[in-house]
């Protein structure tokens, strides 16, 4: 009898743990869907949400519908659409993504060296 009881308790514990884990991973903030519905002009039931990346301070969700998608960044302060990557122009330094905040900033490169005669 003792063996069956411990197996039942173990199985029940694993099921509860698995159910809690699955529910936690499947859920995304309502603000993510709300932003996507407004930006993509889709009905709420058509929107699909997936956690794309996560850092210590930002969660990035990929949200899509009707063959379109957008990225949404969520922090402790709330959720907002992700910034688009700025283009590189001419000889100017390009932007790089901050690995912690997932925002774009100018690359820290030295100014181009000039020859003595120029």
Protein backbone atom coordinates (compact mmCIF):
# COMPACT_ATOMS: atom_id res chain seq x y z
CA UNK A 1 0.00 0.00 0.00
CA UNK A 2 2.76 2.43 0.88
CA UNK A 3 4.35 2.00 -2.54
CA UNK A 4 1.13 2.85 -4.38
CA UNK A 5 0.49 5.92 -2.22
CA UNK A 6 3.95 7.34 -2.83
CA UNK A 7 3.64 6.69 -6.58
CA UNK A 8 0.27 8.48 -6.62
CA UNK A 9 1.65 11.44 -4.71
CA UNK A 10 4.67 11.66 -6.99
CA UNK A 11 2.51 11.44 -10.10
CA UNK A 12 0.08 14.05 -8.77
CA UNK A 13 2.94 16.37 -7.87
CA UNK A 14 4.46 16.01 -11.33
CA UNK A 15 1.12 16.70 -13.02
CA UNK A 16 0.54 19.82 -10.93
CA UNK A 17 4.08 21.04 -11.56
CA UNK A 18 3.80 20.38 -15.29
CA UNK A 19 0.42 22.08 -15.52
CA UNK A 20 1.67 25.14 -13.68
CA UNK A 21 4.79 25.33 -15.86
CA UNK A 22 2.78 24.99 -19.09
CA UNK A 23 0.32 27.69 -18.04
CA UNK A 24 3.15 30.05 -17.09
CA UNK A 25 4.95 29.60 -20.39
CA UNK A 26 1.83 29.89 -22.49
CA UNK A 27 0.69 33.15 -20.97
CA UNK A 28 1.78 36.53 -22.24
CA UNK A 29 0.76 39.90 -20.87
CA UNK A 30 -2.58 41.15 -22.21
CA UNK A 31 -0.79 44.35 -23.19
CA UNK A 32 1.20 42.38 -25.80
CA UNK A 33 -1.96 41.24 -27.58
CA UNK A 34 -3.58 44.66 -27.24
CA UNK A 35 -0.59 46.36 -28.90
CA UNK A 36 -0.51 43.80 -31.70
CA UNK A 37 -4.24 44.09 -32.39
CA UNK A 38 -3.88 47.87 -32.82
CA UNK A 39 -0.66 47.76 -34.82
CA UNK A 40 -1.51 44.82 -37.12
CA UNK A 41 -5.24 45.60 -37.45
CA UNK A 42 -6.29 42.04 -36.61
CA UNK A 43 -9.02 40.57 -34.46
CA UNK A 44 -7.93 39.51 -30.99
CA UNK A 45 -8.60 35.81 -31.67
CA UNK A 46 -6.37 35.86 -34.79
CA UNK A 47 -3.23 37.04 -32.98
CA UNK A 48 -0.52 34.49 -32.12
CA UNK A 49 2.08 35.35 -29.45
CA UNK A 50 5.48 33.73 -28.85
CA UNK A 51 8.29 34.69 -26.49
CA UNK A 52 11.17 35.52 -28.83
CA UNK A 53 13.99 36.57 -26.48
CA UNK A 54 14.43 37.38 -22.82
CA UNK A 55 17.06 39.32 -20.88
CA UNK A 56 17.19 40.30 -17.23
CA UNK A 57 15.24 43.49 -17.95
CA UNK A 58 13.25 42.89 -21.16
CA UNK A 59 11.02 40.18 -22.63
CA UNK A 60 10.63 40.36 -26.41
CA UNK A 61 7.50 38.83 -27.88
CA UNK A 62 6.96 38.08 -31.56
CA UNK A 63 3.28 38.66 -32.33
CA UNK A 64 1.69 37.91 -35.67
CA UNK A 65 -1.44 37.45 -37.74
CA UNK A 66 -2.37 37.42 -41.44
CA UNK A 67 1.28 36.89 -42.54
CA UNK A 68 2.41 40.04 -40.67
CA UNK A 69 4.29 40.31 -37.41
CA UNK A 70 5.62 42.83 -34.95
CA UNK A 71 7.95 42.71 -31.97
CA UNK A 72 6.83 43.90 -28.53
CA UNK A 73 9.18 44.63 -25.62
CA UNK A 74 7.90 44.26 -22.06
CA UNK A 75 9.67 45.64 -19.00
CA UNK A 76 8.64 46.33 -15.41
CA UNK A 77 7.17 49.64 -16.62
CA UNK A 78 4.91 48.02 -19.24
CA UNK A 79 4.91 46.91 -22.88
CA UNK A 80 5.70 48.92 -26.02
CA UNK A 81 6.41 48.17 -29.68
CA UNK A 82 10.08 47.38 -30.30
CA UNK A 83 12.19 49.97 -32.09
CA UNK A 84 13.05 49.17 -35.70
CA UNK A 85 16.71 48.81 -36.60
CA UNK A 86 18.09 52.10 -37.93
CA UNK A 87 19.85 51.87 -41.30
CA UNK A 88 23.61 52.30 -41.85
CA UNK A 89 24.33 55.43 -43.90
CA UNK A 90 27.54 56.07 -45.82
CA UNK A 91 30.70 56.23 -43.74
CA UNK A 92 28.86 56.91 -40.50
CA UNK A 93 28.99 54.30 -37.75
CA UNK A 94 26.15 51.78 -37.72
CA UNK A 95 23.84 51.11 -34.84
CA UNK A 96 24.20 48.07 -32.61
CA UNK A 97 21.71 46.45 -30.29
CA UNK A 98 22.26 46.67 -26.55
CA UNK A 99 22.18 43.03 -25.39
CA UNK A 100 20.52 43.90 -22.07
CA UNK A 101 17.86 46.48 -23.00
CA UNK A 102 17.39 45.43 -26.67
CA UNK A 103 17.48 49.08 -27.77
CA UNK A 104 19.57 50.50 -30.60
CA UNK A 105 22.60 52.72 -29.97
CA UNK A 106 25.46 54.03 -32.07
CA UNK A 107 28.37 51.64 -32.25
CA UNK A 108 31.37 52.69 -30.19
CA UNK A 109 33.93 52.89 -33.01
CA UNK A 110 36.84 55.22 -33.50
CA UNK A 111 36.61 58.02 -36.05
CA UNK A 112 38.19 57.08 -39.40
CA UNK A 113 41.92 57.74 -39.43
CA UNK A 114 43.13 60.33 -41.93
CA UNK A 115 46.41 60.31 -43.72
CA UNK A 116 48.96 63.04 -42.90
CA UNK A 117 48.61 64.70 -46.31
CA UNK A 118 44.81 65.04 -46.22
